[in-house]
Amino acid sequence: MNTKILERGTLVLAAALALGAAVAAALPRTPAAKEVELYFISPKDGETAKSPVTVRFGLRGMGIAPAGVAMENTGHHHLLIDTAPPPFDQPVPADASHVHFGKGQTEASVPLAPGKHTLQLLLADHLHIPHDPPVMSKPITITVE
């Protein structure tokens, strides 16, 4: 393989990663309301459920707006499944452990494998970036039959 092409590709990749990090770092975080609470209506901590699990999100002190809609004191839900919260200065990842509800949903039917699972809610702004300070529920643990 031509080492010059390989070196050039490595430099281009490094430059792209550096640019991506700089852009992510430059994204402003949206302020959270002063008195806000994010919580699970259901399931309850310690509950045993069958898959798919109906998850209902509760929020006091802020409103819900779909992703892409910038409105003061609003955001949309993200369900964290068996994972720690992501970095708060970057958009929430979109994968099996970070489920987005960007249409403004406040409840969902979530398929989960049998066993114990830790769930946590995280509110994020129109760009999927957690608020400042982050608006999160307490984590709960459920067992899926």
C-alpha atoms as a PDB file:
ATOM      1  CA  MET A   1       0.000   0.000   0.000  1.00  0.00           C
ATOM      2  CA  ASN A   2       1.204   3.504  -0.756  1.00  0.00           C
ATOM      3  CA  THR A   3       2.325   5.008   2.567  1.00  0.00           C
ATOM      4  CA  LYS A   4       1.774   8.571   1.332  1.00  0.00           C
ATOM      5  CA  ILE A   5      -1.900   7.837   0.692  1.00  0.00           C
ATOM      6  CA  LEU A   6      -2.182   6.165   4.096  1.00  0.00           C
ATOM      7  CA  GLU A   7      -0.509   9.145   5.807  1.00  0.00           C
ATOM      8  CA  ARG A   8      -2.763  11.598   3.966  1.00  0.00           C
ATOM      9  CA  GLY A   9      -5.867   9.587   4.956  1.00  0.00           C
ATOM     10  CA  THR A  10      -4.728   9.552   8.574  1.00  0.00           C
ATOM     11  CA  LEU A  11      -4.205  13.309   8.523  1.00  0.00           C
ATOM     12  CA  VAL A  12      -7.620  13.912   6.958  1.00  0.00           C
ATOM     13  CA  LEU A  13      -9.280  11.676   9.576  1.00  0.00           C
ATOM     14  CA  ALA A  14      -7.426  13.432  12.424  1.00  0.00           C
ATOM     15  CA  ALA A  15      -8.446  16.848  11.062  1.00  0.00           C
ATOM     16  CA  ALA A  16     -12.091  15.753  10.728  1.00  0.00           C
ATOM     17  CA  LEU A  17     -12.141  14.431  14.304  1.00  0.00           C
ATOM     18  CA  ALA A  18     -10.569  17.637  15.620  1.00  0.00           C
ATOM     19  CA  LEU A  19     -13.104  19.749  13.721  1.00  0.00           C
ATOM     20  CA  GLY A  20     -15.994  17.629  15.000  1.00  0.00           C
ATOM     21  CA  ALA A  21     -14.754  18.002  18.590  1.00  0.00           C
ATOM     22  CA  ALA A  22     -14.377  21.772  18.159  1.00  0.00           C
ATOM     23  CA  VAL A  23     -17.891  22.105  16.733  1.00  0.00           C
ATOM     24  CA  ALA A  24     -19.388  19.966  19.540  1.00  0.00           C
ATOM     25  CA  ALA A  25     -17.524  21.995  22.161  1.00  0.00           C
ATOM     26  CA  ALA A  26     -18.860  25.208  20.614  1.00  0.00           C
ATOM     27  CA  LEU A  27     -22.520  24.189  20.953  1.00  0.00           C
ATOM     28  CA  PRO A  28     -24.149  26.189  23.739  1.00  0.00           C
ATOM     29  CA  ARG A  29     -26.109  24.401  26.461  1.00  0.00           C
ATOM     30  CA  THR A  30     -29.674  25.519  27.061  1.00  0.00           C
ATOM     31  CA  PRO A  31     -30.457  26.641  30.620  1.00  0.00           C
ATOM     32  CA  ALA A  32     -32.828  24.438  32.614  1.00  0.00           C
ATOM     33  CA  ALA A  33     -35.702  25.910  34.588  1.00  0.00           C
ATOM     34  CA  LYS A  34     -34.945  26.556  38.274  1.00  0.00           C
ATOM     35  CA  GLU A  35     -37.494  24.174  39.803  1.00  0.00           C
ATOM     36  CA  VAL A  36     -37.734  21.136  37.546  1.00  0.00           C
ATOM     37  CA  GLU A  37     -38.302  17.452  38.211  1.00  0.00           C
ATOM     38  CA  LEU A  38     -38.027  14.552  35.756  1.00  0.00           C
ATOM     39  CA  TYR A  39     -39.359  11.197  36.949  1.00  0.00           C
ATOM     40  CA  PHE A  40     -40.903   7.869  35.963  1.00  0.00           C
ATOM     41  CA  ILE A  41     -44.667   7.589  36.276  1.00  0.00           C
ATOM     42  CA  SER A  42     -44.249   3.924  35.385  1.00  0.00           C
ATOM     43  CA  PRO A  43     -42.686   1.508  35.828  1.00  0.00           C
ATOM     44  CA  LYS A  44     -41.853   1.975  39.499  1.00  0.00           C
ATOM     45  CA  ASP A  45     -38.436   1.252  40.954  1.00  0.00           C
ATOM     46  CA  GLY A  46     -38.159  -2.467  41.811  1.00  0.00           C
ATOM     47  CA  GLU A  47     -41.145  -3.453  39.662  1.00  0.00           C
ATOM     48  CA  THR A  48     -41.324  -6.668  37.636  1.00  0.00           C
ATOM     49  CA  ALA A  49     -42.718  -6.235  34.116  1.00  0.00           C
ATOM     50  CA  LYS A  50     -43.199  -8.077  30.847  1.00  0.00           C
ATOM     51  CA  SER A  51     -41.633  -6.952  27.585  1.00  0.00           C
ATOM     52  CA  PRO A  52     -42.430  -4.688  25.923  1.00  0.00           C
ATOM     53  CA  VAL A  53     -42.430  -2.423  28.971  1.00  0.00           C
ATOM     54  CA  THR A  54     -44.729   0.597  28.931  1.00  0.00           C
ATOM     55  CA  VAL A  55     -42.657   3.529  30.146  1.00  0.00           C
ATOM     56  CA  ARG A  56     -44.417   6.793  31.107  1.00  0.00           C
ATOM     57  CA  PHE A  57     -42.367   9.934  31.623  1.00  0.00           C
ATOM     58  CA  GLY A  58     -43.235  12.625  34.155  1.00  0.00           C
ATOM     59  CA  LEU A  59     -41.972  16.211  34.073  1.00  0.00           C
ATOM     60  CA  ARG A  60     -42.722  19.204  36.332  1.00  0.00           C
ATOM     61  CA  GLY A  61     -41.453  22.739  35.843  1.00  0.00           C
ATOM     62  CA  MET A  62     -40.639  22.508  32.126  1.00  0.00           C
ATOM     63  CA  GLY A  63     -42.496  21.594  28.955  1.00  0.00           C
ATOM     64  CA  ILE A  64     -42.032  19.183  26.088  1.00  0.00           C
ATOM     65  CA  ALA A  65     -41.165  20.267  22.541  1.00  0.00           C
ATOM     66  CA  PRO A  66     -40.033  18.079  19.642  1.00  0.00           C
ATOM     67  CA  ALA A  67     -36.380  17.921  18.669  1.00  0.00           C
ATOM     68  CA  GLY A  68     -35.500  20.797  16.367  1.00  0.00           C
ATOM     69  CA  VAL A  69     -37.975  23.181  18.044  1.00  0.00           C
ATOM     70  CA  ALA A  70     -36.141  25.747  20.176  1.00  0.00           C
ATOM     71  CA  MET A  71     -38.464  27.019  22.903  1.00  0.00           C
ATOM     72  CA  GLU A  72     -37.478  28.313  26.318  1.00  0.00           C
ATOM     73  CA  ASN A  73     -37.910  25.874  29.226  1.00  0.00           C
ATOM     74  CA  THR A  74     -38.646  22.879  26.990  1.00  0.00           C
ATOM     75  CA  GLY A  75     -36.907  19.740  25.857  1.00  0.00           C
ATOM     76  CA  HIS A  76     -37.567  16.167  24.809  1.00  0.00           C
ATOM     77  CA  HIS A  77     -37.015  12.848  26.551  1.00  0.00           C
ATOM     78  CA  HIS A  78     -34.184  10.341  26.241  1.00  0.00           C
ATOM     79  CA  LEU A  79     -34.343   6.954  27.937  1.00  0.00           C
ATOM     80  CA  LEU A  80     -31.005   5.625  29.156  1.00  0.00           C
ATOM     81  CA  ILE A  81     -31.012   1.830  29.365  1.00  0.00           C
ATOM     82  CA  ASP A  82     -28.286   0.056  31.349  1.00  0.00           C
ATOM     83  CA  THR A  83     -25.812   2.906  30.842  1.00  0.00           C
ATOM     84  CA  ALA A  84     -24.372   5.914  32.643  1.00  0.00           C
ATOM     85  CA  PRO A  85     -25.422   9.407  31.531  1.00  0.00           C
ATOM     86  CA  PRO A  86     -23.527  10.636  28.454  1.00  0.00           C
ATOM     87  CA  PRO A  87     -21.309  13.749  28.427  1.00  0.00           C
ATOM     88  CA  PHE A  88     -23.535  16.752  29.088  1.00  0.00           C
ATOM     89  CA  ASP A  89     -21.775  19.071  26.623  1.00  0.00           C
ATOM     90  CA  GLN A  90     -22.510  16.913  23.562  1.00  0.00           C
ATOM     91  CA  PRO A  91     -25.633  15.600  21.820  1.00  0.00           C
ATOM     92  CA  VAL A  92     -27.035  12.429  23.391  1.00  0.00           C
ATOM     93  CA  PRO A  93     -25.940   9.403  21.327  1.00  0.00           C
ATOM     94  CA  ALA A  94     -28.614   7.482  19.443  1.00  0.00           C
ATOM     95  CA  ASP A  95     -28.231   3.762  20.051  1.00  0.00           C
ATOM     96  CA  ALA A  96     -29.859   0.876  21.923  1.00  0.00           C
ATOM     97  CA  SER A  97     -28.769   2.345  25.281  1.00  0.00           C
ATOM     98  CA  HIS A  98     -29.810   5.951  24.489  1.00  0.00           C
ATOM     99  CA  VAL A  99     -33.354   5.963  23.111  1.00  0.00           C
ATOM    100  CA  HIS A 100     -34.581   9.298  21.714  1.00  0.00           C
ATOM    101  CA  PHE A 101     -38.164  10.545  21.871  1.00  0.00           C
ATOM    102  CA  GLY A 102     -37.673  13.517  19.568  1.00  0.00           C
ATOM    103  CA  LYS A 103     -41.301  13.793  18.528  1.00  0.00           C
ATOM    104  CA  GLY A 104     -42.186  14.874  22.049  1.00  0.00           C
ATOM    105  CA  GLN A 105     -43.505  11.513  23.247  1.00  0.00           C
ATOM    106  CA  THR A 106     -44.246  11.161  26.949  1.00  0.00           C
ATOM    107  CA  GLU A 107     -44.785   7.401  26.915  1.00  0.00           C
ATOM    108  CA  ALA A 108     -43.418   4.459  24.955  1.00  0.00           C
ATOM    109  CA  SER A 109     -43.538   0.714  24.658  1.00  0.00           C
ATOM    110  CA  VAL A 110     -39.928  -0.445  25.049  1.00  0.00           C
ATOM    111  CA  PRO A 111     -38.829  -3.993  24.254  1.00  0.00           C
ATOM    112  CA  LEU A 112     -36.354  -5.244  26.866  1.00  0.00           C
ATOM    113  CA  ALA A 113     -34.655  -8.626  27.236  1.00  0.00           C
ATOM    114  CA  PRO A 114     -35.482 -10.711  30.316  1.00  0.00           C
ATOM    115  CA  GLY A 115     -33.440  -9.791  33.387  1.00  0.00           C
ATOM    116  CA  LYS A 116     -32.607  -6.729  35.484  1.00  0.00           C
ATOM    117  CA  HIS A 117     -32.378  -3.334  33.803  1.00  0.00           C
ATOM    118  CA  THR A 118     -31.479   0.132  35.013  1.00  0.00           C
ATOM    119  CA  LEU A 119     -33.494   2.963  33.442  1.00  0.00           C
ATOM    120  CA  GLN A 120     -32.963   6.706  33.690  1.00  0.00           C
ATOM    121  CA  LEU A 121     -34.564   9.671  31.934  1.00  0.00           C
ATOM    122  CA  LEU A 122     -32.583  12.599  30.549  1.00  0.00           C
ATOM    123  CA  LEU A 123     -34.174  15.715  29.072  1.00  0.00           C
ATOM    124  CA  ALA A 124     -32.329  17.422  26.229  1.00  0.00           C
ATOM    125  CA  ASP A 125     -32.865  20.558  24.167  1.00  0.00           C
ATOM    126  CA  HIS A 126     -33.769  20.977  20.493  1.00  0.00           C
ATOM    127  CA  LEU A 127     -30.247  19.852  19.501  1.00  0.00           C
ATOM    128  CA  HIS A 128     -30.294  16.756  21.772  1.00  0.00           C
ATOM    129  CA  ILE A 129     -27.860  18.433  24.199  1.00  0.00           C
ATOM    130  CA  PRO A 130     -28.654  18.045  27.920  1.00  0.00           C
ATOM    131  CA  HIS A 131     -29.685  21.249  29.709  1.00  0.00           C
ATOM    132  CA  ASP A 132     -27.488  23.223  32.094  1.00  0.00           C
ATOM    133  CA  PRO A 133     -27.759  21.917  34.759  1.00  0.00           C
ATOM    134  CA  PRO A 134     -28.816  18.490  33.435  1.00  0.00           C
ATOM    135  CA  VAL A 135     -32.443  17.495  33.977  1.00  0.00           C
ATOM    136  CA  MET A 136     -32.402  13.796  34.900  1.00  0.00           C
ATOM    137  CA  SER A 137     -34.573  11.362  36.786  1.00  0.00           C
ATOM    138  CA  LYS A 138     -33.276   9.164  39.538  1.00  0.00           C
ATOM    139  CA  PRO A 139     -32.302   5.816  38.030  1.00  0.00           C
ATOM    140  CA  ILE A 140     -34.691   2.941  38.620  1.00  0.00           C
ATOM    141  CA  THR A 141     -34.128  -0.807  38.407  1.00  0.00           C
ATOM    142  CA  ILE A 142     -36.752  -3.145  37.001  1.00  0.00           C
ATOM    143  CA  THR A 143     -36.868  -6.855  36.295  1.00  0.00           C
ATOM    144  CA  VAL A 144     -38.248  -8.075  32.984  1.00  0.00           C
ATOM    145  CA  GLU A 145     -39.761 -11.569  32.987  1.00  0.00           C
END
